[in-house]
């Protein structure tokens, strides 16, 4: 899972295919991503805390 910048927010993006990874850089294939997009792959715990809860999730709880 990665998070792509969408305006002033980030949205979760599923990465269905990793084509290569050298431990620092990864080449992925994901229809929702385009060259030049700002993408977060580390420190996502902090981003997840900022995302709104999914519809139907209990208030104050965490949905997974």
Protein backbone atom coordinates (compact mmCIF):
# COMPACT_ATOMS: atom_id res chain seq x y z
CA UNK A 1 0.00 0.00 0.00
CA UNK A 2 1.19 3.52 -0.76
CA UNK A 3 -0.38 6.94 -0.39
CA UNK A 4 -0.55 9.42 -3.27
CA UNK A 5 -1.01 13.17 -2.90
CA UNK A 6 -4.48 14.26 -4.00
CA UNK A 7 -4.55 18.05 -3.66
CA UNK A 8 -3.86 18.84 -0.01
CA UNK A 9 -4.64 15.28 1.12
CA UNK A 10 -3.28 11.79 0.56
CA UNK A 11 -5.32 8.83 -0.63
CA UNK A 12 -4.54 5.15 -0.26
CA UNK A 13 -3.36 3.43 -3.44
CA UNK A 14 -3.06 -0.33 -3.76
CA UNK A 15 0.15 -1.46 -5.44
CA UNK A 16 -0.81 -4.66 -7.28
CA UNK A 17 2.62 -5.34 -8.78
CA UNK A 18 6.20 -4.59 -7.72
CA UNK A 19 8.46 -4.96 -10.75
CA UNK A 20 11.73 -4.34 -8.93
CA UNK A 21 13.15 -3.16 -5.62
CA UNK A 22 16.74 -2.40 -4.61
CA UNK A 23 15.94 -1.53 -0.98
CA UNK A 24 15.89 2.21 -1.70
CA UNK A 25 13.86 2.53 -4.89
CA UNK A 26 10.99 0.44 -6.18
CA UNK A 27 9.48 0.16 -9.61
CA UNK A 28 5.77 -0.56 -9.36
CA UNK A 29 2.82 -0.99 -11.66
CA UNK A 30 -0.32 0.64 -10.31
CA UNK A 31 -3.09 2.07 -12.52
CA UNK A 32 -3.81 4.86 -10.00
CA UNK A 33 -0.24 6.22 -10.14
CA UNK A 34 1.27 8.46 -12.81
CA UNK A 35 4.87 9.62 -13.34
CA UNK A 36 5.73 12.62 -11.20
CA UNK A 37 3.09 12.02 -8.51
CA UNK A 38 4.07 12.56 -4.87
CA UNK A 39 3.87 9.15 -3.19
CA UNK A 40 4.50 8.11 0.42
CA UNK A 41 5.61 4.58 1.25
CA UNK A 42 7.27 5.09 4.66
CA UNK A 43 5.87 6.76 7.74
CA UNK A 44 2.41 5.69 6.65
CA UNK A 45 1.27 5.16 10.26
CA UNK A 46 1.21 8.94 10.69
CA UNK A 47 -0.73 9.36 7.43
CA UNK A 48 -3.24 6.66 8.39
CA UNK A 49 -3.96 8.55 11.60
CA UNK A 50 -4.88 11.61 9.51
CA UNK A 51 -7.18 9.80 7.07
CA UNK A 52 -10.92 9.96 7.72
CA UNK A 53 -12.49 6.75 9.00
CA UNK A 54 -14.26 4.66 6.35
CA UNK A 55 -18.05 4.99 6.20
CA UNK A 56 -19.68 2.71 8.76
CA UNK A 57 -16.61 2.53 11.03
CA UNK A 58 -17.31 3.06 14.73
CA UNK A 59 -16.36 6.49 16.06
CA UNK A 60 -13.03 6.47 17.89
CA UNK A 61 -12.25 2.96 16.67
CA UNK A 62 -9.90 1.81 14.00
CA UNK A 63 -11.12 0.06 10.90
CA UNK A 64 -8.77 -2.27 9.07
